[in-house]
Amino acid sequence: MIKFYKKIRLNLLLENKTGKYLKYAIGEIVLVVIRILIALQINNWNVAQKNRSEVTRLLYTVIG
């Protein structure tokens, strides 16, 4: 997949299509940011799940 993107980038630069290359680069940056945000959301969800299970375990220990 990385070779595919590299090939697109090289072709755009070699054909002097700077405008298209800039659109491509901005699109790639947006995709990376979206992936990072999704990963952070999943991580936050996992931490919340662990906290909820720990609270439940502690409540069962205290109550009985």
PDB file of N, CA and C in Angstrom:
ATOM      1  N   MET A   1       0.833  -1.186   0.000  1.00  0.00           N
ATOM      2  CA  MET A   1       0.000   0.000   0.000  1.00  0.00           C
ATOM      3  C   MET A   1       0.876   1.247   0.000  1.00  0.00           C
ATOM      4  N   ILE A   2       1.981   1.206   0.744  1.00  0.00           N
ATOM      5  CA  ILE A   2       2.867   2.366   0.794  1.00  0.00           C
ATOM      6  C   ILE A   2       3.491   2.618  -0.581  1.00  0.00           C
ATOM      7  N   LYS A   3       3.832   1.529  -1.297  1.00  0.00           N
ATOM      8  CA  LYS A   3       4.408   1.694  -2.638  1.00  0.00           C
ATOM      9  C   LYS A   3       3.411   2.351  -3.573  1.00  0.00           C
ATOM     10  N   PHE A   4       2.133   2.024  -3.383  1.00  0.00           N
ATOM     11  CA  PHE A   4       1.077   2.608  -4.212  1.00  0.00           C
ATOM     12  C   PHE A   4       1.036   4.125  -4.030  1.00  0.00           C
ATOM     13  N   TYR A   5       1.042   4.576  -2.788  1.00  0.00           N
ATOM     14  CA  TYR A   5       1.012   6.017  -2.510  1.00  0.00           C
ATOM     15  C   TYR A   5       2.290   6.702  -2.992  1.00  0.00           C
ATOM     16  N   LYS A   6       3.409   6.014  -2.812  1.00  0.00           N
ATOM     17  CA  LYS A   6       4.683   6.579  -3.260  1.00  0.00           C
ATOM     18  C   LYS A   6       4.675   6.770  -4.771  1.00  0.00           C
ATOM     19  N   LYS A   7       4.116   5.804  -5.486  1.00  0.00           N
ATOM     20  CA  LYS A   7       4.043   5.889  -6.945  1.00  0.00           C
ATOM     21  C   LYS A   7       3.170   7.064  -7.379  1.00  0.00           C
ATOM     22  N   ILE A   8       2.037   7.243  -6.720  1.00  0.00           N
ATOM     23  CA  ILE A   8       1.154   8.373  -7.045  1.00  0.00           C
ATOM     24  C   ILE A   8       1.873   9.695  -6.817  1.00  0.00           C
ATOM     25  N   ARG A   9       2.557   9.795  -5.669  1.00  0.00           N
ATOM     26  CA  ARG A   9       3.280  11.035  -5.352  1.00  0.00           C
ATOM     27  C   ARG A   9       4.339  11.344  -6.398  1.00  0.00           C
ATOM     28  N   LEU A  10       5.131  10.345  -6.756  1.00  0.00           N
ATOM     29  CA  LEU A  10       6.199  10.561  -7.733  1.00  0.00           C
ATOM     30  C   LEU A  10       5.635  10.961  -9.094  1.00  0.00           C
ATOM     31  N   ASN A  11       4.556  10.308  -9.519  1.00  0.00           N
ATOM     32  CA  ASN A  11       3.958  10.651 -10.811  1.00  0.00           C
ATOM     33  C   ASN A  11       3.448  12.089 -10.820  1.00  0.00           C
ATOM     34  N   LEU A  12       2.809  12.511  -9.755  1.00  0.00           N
ATOM     35  CA  LEU A  12       2.300  13.884  -9.701  1.00  0.00           C
ATOM     36  C   LEU A  12       3.432  14.896  -9.721  1.00  0.00           C
ATOM     37  N   LEU A  13       4.522  14.592  -9.009  1.00  0.00           N
ATOM     38  CA  LEU A  13       5.650  15.526  -8.991  1.00  0.00           C
ATOM     39  C   LEU A  13       6.369  15.561 -10.335  1.00  0.00           C
ATOM     40  N   LEU A  14       6.540  14.404 -10.968  1.00  0.00           N
ATOM     41  CA  LEU A  14       7.246  14.355 -12.241  1.00  0.00           C
ATOM     42  C   LEU A  14       6.456  15.028 -13.361  1.00  0.00           C
ATOM     43  N   GLU A  15       5.142  15.014 -13.277  1.00  0.00           N
ATOM     44  CA  GLU A  15       4.307  15.635 -14.306  1.00  0.00           C
ATOM     45  C   GLU A  15       4.055  17.112 -14.026  1.00  0.00           C
ATOM     46  N   ASN A  16       4.719  17.664 -13.016  1.00  0.00           N
ATOM     47  CA  ASN A  16       4.574  19.075 -12.640  1.00  0.00           C
ATOM     48  C   ASN A  16       3.131  19.457 -12.349  1.00  0.00           C
ATOM     49  N   LYS A  17       2.419  18.574 -11.686  1.00  0.00           N
ATOM     50  CA  LYS A  17       1.047  18.861 -11.281  1.00  0.00           C
ATOM     51  C   LYS A  17       1.064  19.195  -9.790  1.00  0.00           C
ATOM     52  N   THR A  18       1.609  20.353  -9.484  1.00  0.00           N
ATOM     53  CA  THR A  18       1.789  20.761  -8.095  1.00  0.00           C
ATOM     54  C   THR A  18       0.458  20.924  -7.372  1.00  0.00           C
ATOM     55  N   GLY A  19      -0.534  21.482  -8.046  1.00  0.00           N
ATOM     56  CA  GLY A  19      -1.840  21.681  -7.424  1.00  0.00           C
ATOM     57  C   GLY A  19      -2.468  20.357  -7.012  1.00  0.00           C
ATOM     58  N   LYS A  20      -2.413  19.387  -7.908  1.00  0.00           N
ATOM     59  CA  LYS A  20      -2.957  18.073  -7.585  1.00  0.00           C
ATOM     60  C   LYS A  20      -2.163  17.425  -6.466  1.00  0.00           C
ATOM     61  N   TYR A  21      -0.838  17.620  -6.499  1.00  0.00           N
ATOM     62  CA  TYR A  21       0.006  17.042  -5.450  1.00  0.00           C
ATOM     63  C   TYR A  21      -0.345  17.640  -4.090  1.00  0.00           C
ATOM     64  N   LEU A  22      -0.562  18.948  -4.046  1.00  0.00           N
ATOM     65  CA  LEU A  22      -0.922  19.592  -2.782  1.00  0.00           C
ATOM     66  C   LEU A  22      -2.277  19.083  -2.271  1.00  0.00           C
ATOM     67  N   LYS A  23      -3.244  18.901  -3.177  1.00  0.00           N
ATOM     68  CA  LYS A  23      -4.534  18.344  -2.776  1.00  0.00           C
ATOM     69  C   LYS A  23      -4.351  16.932  -2.231  1.00  0.00           C
ATOM     70  N   TYR A  24      -3.522  16.156  -2.901  1.00  0.00           N
ATOM     71  CA  TYR A  24      -3.247  14.788  -2.458  1.00  0.00           C
ATOM     72  C   TYR A  24      -2.597  14.798  -1.078  1.00  0.00           C
ATOM     73  N   ALA A  25      -1.604  15.690  -0.886  1.00  0.00           N
ATOM     74  CA  ALA A  25      -0.886  15.765   0.386  1.00  0.00           C
ATOM     75  C   ALA A  25      -1.829  16.179   1.513  1.00  0.00           C
ATOM     76  N   ILE A  26      -2.678  17.153   1.257  1.00  0.00           N
ATOM     77  CA  ILE A  26      -3.631  17.593   2.277  1.00  0.00           C
ATOM     78  C   ILE A  26      -4.608  16.465   2.601  1.00  0.00           C
ATOM     79  N   GLY A  27      -5.070  15.752   1.583  1.00  0.00           N
ATOM     80  CA  GLY A  27      -5.962  14.617   1.798  1.00  0.00           C
ATOM     81  C   GLY A  27      -5.298  13.542   2.642  1.00  0.00           C
ATOM     82  N   GLU A  28      -4.034  13.283   2.381  1.00  0.00           N
ATOM     83  CA  GLU A  28      -3.304  12.281   3.155  1.00  0.00           C
ATOM     84  C   GLU A  28      -3.161  12.720   4.617  1.00  0.00           C
ATOM     85  N   ILE A  29      -2.885  13.998   4.842  1.00  0.00           N
ATOM     86  CA  ILE A  29      -2.760  14.518   6.205  1.00  0.00           C
ATOM     87  C   ILE A  29      -4.094  14.384   6.942  1.00  0.00           C
ATOM     88  N   VAL A  30      -5.185  14.695   6.257  1.00  0.00           N
ATOM     89  CA  VAL A  30      -6.509  14.579   6.871  1.00  0.00           C
ATOM     90  C   VAL A  30      -6.786  13.122   7.249  1.00  0.00           C
ATOM     91  N   LEU A  31      -6.439  12.193   6.380  1.00  0.00           N
ATOM     92  CA  LEU A  31      -6.641  10.779   6.685  1.00  0.00           C
ATOM     93  C   LEU A  31      -5.837  10.344   7.906  1.00  0.00           C
ATOM     94  N   VAL A  32      -4.605  10.815   8.005  1.00  0.00           N
ATOM     95  CA  VAL A  32      -3.767  10.468   9.157  1.00  0.00           C
ATOM     96  C   VAL A  32      -4.377  11.025  10.440  1.00  0.00           C
ATOM     97  N   VAL A  33      -4.854  12.261  10.400  1.00  0.00           N
ATOM     98  CA  VAL A  33      -5.460  12.872  11.580  1.00  0.00           C
ATOM     99  C   VAL A  33      -6.710  12.093  11.988  1.00  0.00           C
ATOM    100  N   ILE A  34      -7.518  11.694  11.010  1.00  0.00           N
ATOM    101  CA  ILE A  34      -8.724  10.917  11.327  1.00  0.00           C
ATOM    102  C   ILE A  34      -8.352   9.595  11.969  1.00  0.00           C
ATOM    103  N   ARG A  35      -7.326   8.932  11.443  1.00  0.00           N
ATOM    104  CA  ARG A  35      -6.885   7.657  12.034  1.00  0.00           C
ATOM    105  C   ARG A  35      -6.405   7.841  13.466  1.00  0.00           C
ATOM    106  N   ILE A  36      -5.681   8.917  13.719  1.00  0.00           N
ATOM    107  CA  ILE A  36      -5.192   9.180  15.071  1.00  0.00           C
ATOM    108  C   ILE A  36      -6.360   9.435  16.020  1.00  0.00           C
ATOM    109  N   LEU A  37      -7.344  10.219  15.579  1.00  0.00           N
ATOM    110  CA  LEU A  37      -8.508  10.503  16.414  1.00  0.00           C
ATOM    111  C   LEU A  37      -9.298   9.236  16.725  1.00  0.00           C
ATOM    112  N   ILE A  38      -9.436   8.358  15.735  1.00  0.00           N
ATOM    113  CA  ILE A  38     -10.130   7.090  15.971  1.00  0.00           C
ATOM    114  C   ILE A  38      -9.364   6.249  16.980  1.00  0.00           C
ATOM    115  N   ALA A  39      -8.039   6.190  16.833  1.00  0.00           N
ATOM    116  CA  ALA A  39      -7.228   5.412  17.772  1.00  0.00           C
ATOM    117  C   ALA A  39      -7.343   5.970  19.191  1.00  0.00           C
ATOM    118  N   LEU A  40      -7.341   7.279  19.334  1.00  0.00           N
ATOM    119  CA  LEU A  40      -7.494   7.888  20.655  1.00  0.00           C
ATOM    120  C   LEU A  40      -8.857   7.587  21.251  1.00  0.00           C
ATOM    121  N   GLN A  41      -9.897   7.619  20.415  1.00  0.00           N
ATOM    122  CA  GLN A  41     -11.240   7.327  20.900  1.00  0.00           C
ATOM    123  C   GLN A  41     -11.337   5.884  21.385  1.00  0.00           C
ATOM    124  N   ILE A  42     -10.750   4.960  20.639  1.00  0.00           N
ATOM    125  CA  ILE A  42     -10.753   3.553  21.045  1.00  0.00           C
ATOM    126  C   ILE A  42      -9.984   3.379  22.346  1.00  0.00           C
ATOM    127  N   ASN A  43      -8.861   4.056  22.455  1.00  0.00           N
ATOM    128  CA  ASN A  43      -8.067   3.970  23.681  1.00  0.00           C
ATOM    129  C   ASN A  43      -8.855   4.516  24.878  1.00  0.00           C
ATOM    130  N   ASN A  44      -9.502   5.646  24.709  1.00  0.00           N
ATOM    131  CA  ASN A  44     -10.313   6.215  25.793  1.00  0.00           C
ATOM    132  C   ASN A  44     -11.444   5.278  26.189  1.00  0.00           C
ATOM    133  N   TRP A  45     -12.076   4.640  25.199  1.00  0.00           N
ATOM    134  CA  TRP A  45     -13.142   3.702  25.481  1.00  0.00           C
ATOM    135  C   TRP A  45     -12.617   2.517  26.290  1.00  0.00           C
ATOM    136  N   ASN A  46     -11.430   2.003  25.913  1.00  0.00           N
ATOM    137  CA  ASN A  46     -10.849   0.882  26.647  1.00  0.00           C
ATOM    138  C   ASN A  46     -10.522   1.264  28.086  1.00  0.00           C
ATOM    139  N   VAL A  47      -9.999   2.452  28.291  1.00  0.00           N
ATOM    140  CA  VAL A  47      -9.678   2.909  29.649  1.00  0.00           C
ATOM    141  C   VAL A  47     -10.952   3.050  30.472  1.00  0.00           C
ATOM    142  N   ALA A  48     -12.001   3.578  29.865  1.00  0.00           N
ATOM    143  CA  ALA A  48     -13.279   3.726  30.576  1.00  0.00           C
ATOM    144  C   ALA A  48     -13.839   2.362  30.954  1.00  0.00           C
ATOM    145  N   GLN A  49     -13.740   1.397  30.060  1.00  0.00           N
ATOM    146  CA  GLN A  49     -14.206   0.038  30.352  1.00  0.00           C
ATOM    147  C   GLN A  49     -13.438  -0.561  31.529  1.00  0.00           C
ATOM    148  N   LYS A  50     -12.133  -0.377  31.549  1.00  0.00           N
ATOM    149  CA  LYS A  50     -11.313  -0.902  32.650  1.00  0.00           C
ATOM    150  C   LYS A  50     -11.688  -0.231  33.967  1.00  0.00           C
ATOM    151  N   ASN A  51     -11.904   1.083  33.916  1.00  0.00           N
ATOM    152  CA  ASN A  51     -12.287   1.806  35.135  1.00  0.00           C
ATOM    153  C   ASN A  51     -13.639   1.328  35.656  1.00  0.00           C
ATOM    154  N   ARG A  52     -14.603   1.135  34.740  1.00  0.00           N
ATOM    155  CA  ARG A  52     -15.919   0.657  35.164  1.00  0.00           C
ATOM    156  C   ARG A  52     -15.833  -0.726  35.791  1.00  0.00           C
ATOM    157  N   SER A  53     -15.048  -1.601  35.204  1.00  0.00           N
ATOM    158  CA  SER A  53     -14.942  -2.951  35.765  1.00  0.00           C
ATOM    159  C   SER A  53     -14.229  -2.921  37.121  1.00  0.00           C
ATOM    160  N   GLU A  54     -13.262  -2.041  37.282  1.00  0.00           N
ATOM    161  CA  GLU A  54     -12.559  -1.916  38.564  1.00  0.00           C
ATOM    162  C   GLU A  54     -13.496  -1.378  39.636  1.00  0.00           C
ATOM    163  N   VAL A  55     -14.302  -0.386  39.302  1.00  0.00           N
ATOM    164  CA  VAL A  55     -15.269   0.165  40.257  1.00  0.00           C
ATOM    165  C   VAL A  55     -16.272  -0.908  40.654  1.00  0.00           C
ATOM    166  N   THR A  56     -16.751  -1.650  39.687  1.00  0.00           N
ATOM    167  CA  THR A  56     -17.699  -2.729  39.983  1.00  0.00           C
ATOM    168  C   THR A  56     -17.071  -3.761  40.909  1.00  0.00           C
ATOM    169  N   ARG A  57     -15.845  -4.144  40.632  1.00  0.00           N
ATOM    170  CA  ARG A  57     -15.145  -5.115  41.468  1.00  0.00           C
ATOM    171  C   ARG A  57     -14.973  -4.589  42.889  1.00  0.00           C
ATOM    172  N   LEU A  58     -14.617  -3.334  43.020  1.00  0.00           N
ATOM    173  CA  LEU A  58     -14.444  -2.746  44.356  1.00  0.00           C
ATOM    174  C   LEU A  58     -15.771  -2.660  45.102  1.00  0.00           C
ATOM    175  N   LEU A  59     -16.844  -2.321  44.405  1.00  0.00           N
ATOM    176  CA  LEU A  59     -18.151  -2.265  45.051  1.00  0.00           C
ATOM    177  C   LEU A  59     -18.585  -3.636  45.545  1.00  0.00           C
ATOM    178  N   TYR A  60     -18.369  -4.650  44.766  1.00  0.00           N
ATOM    179  CA  TYR A  60     -18.711  -6.006  45.204  1.00  0.00           C
ATOM    180  C   TYR A  60     -17.854  -6.432  46.389  1.00  0.00           C
ATOM    181  N   THR A  61     -16.610  -5.976  46.427  1.00  0.00           N
ATOM    182  CA  THR A  61     -15.730  -6.310  47.546  1.00  0.00           C
ATOM    183  C   THR A  61     -16.210  -5.626  48.824  1.00  0.00           C
ATOM    184  N   VAL A  62     -16.606  -4.349  48.720  1.00  0.00           N
ATOM    185  CA  VAL A  62     -17.040  -3.592  49.889  1.00  0.00           C
ATOM    186  C   VAL A  62     -18.405  -4.075  50.374  1.00  0.00           C
ATOM    187  N   ILE A  63     -19.322  -4.285  49.445  1.00  0.00           N
ATOM    188  CA  ILE A  63     -20.683  -4.659  49.821  1.00  0.00           C
ATOM    189  C   ILE A  63     -20.744  -6.105  50.282  1.00  0.00           C
ATOM    190  N   GLY A  64     -20.011  -6.935  49.620  1.00  0.00           N
ATOM    191  CA  GLY A  64     -20.132  -8.186  50.196  1.00  0.00           C
ATOM    192  C   GLY A  64     -19.765  -9.434  49.640  1.00  0.00           C
TER     193      GLY A  64
END
